[in-house]
Amino acid sequence: MHFRFSSFSDFMTMSGHGIYVWSAFFVVVASIAGLLIFSVAKRKKIKHDIREYYRRVELASQNGGDE
């Protein structure tokens, strides 16, 4: 296997383009992480709302549908 960079420092700076490469990399990683966190939180809220809805429906049916 042949590496293009002679050292880790060379790899990090990427011949002067490191700031652009690494900033783009971190923007993408942060975006994916944000989407993942948002999706998990949204799913949790939807599941909670569904449980709450069915709990209210069950209570209404137990009370004779007075609501």
C-alpha atoms as a PDB file:
ATOM      1  CA  MET A   1       0.000   0.000   0.000  1.00  0.00           C
ATOM      2  CA  HIS A   2       1.347   3.416  -0.946  1.00  0.00           C
ATOM      3  CA  PHE A   3       0.392   6.514   1.065  1.00  0.00           C
ATOM      4  CA  ARG A   4       0.199   9.886  -0.662  1.00  0.00           C
ATOM      5  CA  PHE A   5       1.363  11.778   2.429  1.00  0.00           C
ATOM      6  CA  SER A   6       4.738  11.347   4.066  1.00  0.00           C
ATOM      7  CA  SER A   7       3.549  12.198   7.594  1.00  0.00           C
ATOM      8  CA  PHE A   8       0.411  12.718   9.646  1.00  0.00           C
ATOM      9  CA  SER A   9       1.053  16.467   9.642  1.00  0.00           C
ATOM     10  CA  ASP A  10       1.197  16.369   5.844  1.00  0.00           C
ATOM     11  CA  PHE A  11      -2.088  14.475   5.842  1.00  0.00           C
ATOM     12  CA  MET A  12      -3.768  17.050   8.102  1.00  0.00           C
ATOM     13  CA  THR A  13      -2.639  20.040   6.040  1.00  0.00           C
ATOM     14  CA  MET A  14      -3.288  18.291   2.702  1.00  0.00           C
ATOM     15  CA  SER A  15      -0.796  20.414   0.800  1.00  0.00           C
ATOM     16  CA  GLY A  16      -2.388  23.658   1.968  1.00  0.00           C
ATOM     17  CA  HIS A  17      -5.975  22.580   1.308  1.00  0.00           C
ATOM     18  CA  GLY A  18      -6.607  21.016   4.721  1.00  0.00           C
ATOM     19  CA  ILE A  19      -8.729  23.876   6.058  1.00  0.00           C
ATOM     20  CA  TYR A  20     -11.215  23.449   3.196  1.00  0.00           C
ATOM     21  CA  VAL A  21     -11.219  19.666   3.276  1.00  0.00           C
ATOM     22  CA  TRP A  22     -11.584  19.334   7.039  1.00  0.00           C
ATOM     23  CA  SER A  23     -14.147  22.118   7.357  1.00  0.00           C
ATOM     24  CA  ALA A  24     -16.284  20.458   4.661  1.00  0.00           C
ATOM     25  CA  PHE A  25     -15.847  17.100   6.383  1.00  0.00           C
ATOM     26  CA  PHE A  26     -16.947  18.484   9.751  1.00  0.00           C
ATOM     27  CA  VAL A  27     -19.917  20.340   8.231  1.00  0.00           C
ATOM     28  CA  VAL A  28     -21.130  17.083   6.683  1.00  0.00           C
ATOM     29  CA  VAL A  29     -20.578  15.091   9.894  1.00  0.00           C
ATOM     30  CA  ALA A  30     -22.339  17.770  11.972  1.00  0.00           C
ATOM     31  CA  SER A  31     -25.265  17.861   9.517  1.00  0.00           C
ATOM     32  CA  ILE A  32     -25.697  14.089   9.604  1.00  0.00           C
ATOM     33  CA  ALA A  33     -25.452  14.075  13.406  1.00  0.00           C
ATOM     34  CA  GLY A  34     -28.034  16.879  13.600  1.00  0.00           C
ATOM     35  CA  LEU A  35     -30.405  15.012  11.309  1.00  0.00           C
ATOM     36  CA  LEU A  36     -29.974  11.855  13.361  1.00  0.00           C
ATOM     37  CA  ILE A  37     -30.657  13.660  16.647  1.00  0.00           C
ATOM     38  CA  PHE A  38     -33.642  15.510  15.152  1.00  0.00           C
ATOM     39  CA  SER A  39     -35.092  12.288  13.711  1.00  0.00           C
ATOM     40  CA  VAL A  40     -34.762  10.376  16.979  1.00  0.00           C
ATOM     41  CA  ALA A  41     -36.354  13.231  18.939  1.00  0.00           C
ATOM     42  CA  LYS A  42     -39.193  13.577  16.409  1.00  0.00           C
ATOM     43  CA  ARG A  43     -39.853   9.815  16.471  1.00  0.00           C
ATOM     44  CA  LYS A  44     -39.953   9.872  20.269  1.00  0.00           C
ATOM     45  CA  LYS A  45     -42.462  12.759  20.245  1.00  0.00           C
ATOM     46  CA  ILE A  46     -44.679  11.064  17.657  1.00  0.00           C
ATOM     47  CA  LYS A  47     -44.712   7.832  19.676  1.00  0.00           C
ATOM     48  CA  HIS A  48     -45.603   9.824  22.798  1.00  0.00           C
ATOM     49  CA  ASP A  49     -48.415  11.639  20.962  1.00  0.00           C
ATOM     50  CA  ILE A  50     -49.834   8.338  19.657  1.00  0.00           C
ATOM     51  CA  ARG A  51     -49.749   6.780  23.137  1.00  0.00           C
ATOM     52  CA  GLU A  52     -51.444   9.872  24.574  1.00  0.00           C
ATOM     53  CA  TYR A  53     -54.146   9.788  21.875  1.00  0.00           C
ATOM     54  CA  TYR A  54     -54.966   6.123  22.523  1.00  0.00           C
ATOM     55  CA  ARG A  55     -54.932   6.715  26.277  1.00  0.00           C
ATOM     56  CA  ARG A  56     -57.524   9.483  25.838  1.00  0.00           C
ATOM     57  CA  VAL A  57     -59.626   7.321  23.506  1.00  0.00           C
ATOM     58  CA  GLU A  58     -59.573   4.511  26.066  1.00  0.00           C
ATOM     59  CA  LEU A  59     -60.539   6.871  28.904  1.00  0.00           C
ATOM     60  CA  ALA A  60     -63.366   8.307  26.805  1.00  0.00           C
ATOM     61  CA  SER A  61     -64.695   4.835  26.027  1.00  0.00           C
ATOM     62  CA  GLN A  62     -64.525   3.880  29.716  1.00  0.00           C
ATOM     63  CA  ASN A  63     -66.451   7.025  30.670  1.00  0.00           C
ATOM     64  CA  GLY A  64     -69.192   6.303  28.161  1.00  0.00           C
ATOM     65  CA  GLY A  65     -67.973   8.682  25.482  1.00  0.00           C
ATOM     66  CA  ASP A  66     -69.016  11.875  27.319  1.00  0.00           C
ATOM     67  CA  GLU A  67     -66.116  13.855  25.864  1.00  0.00           C
END
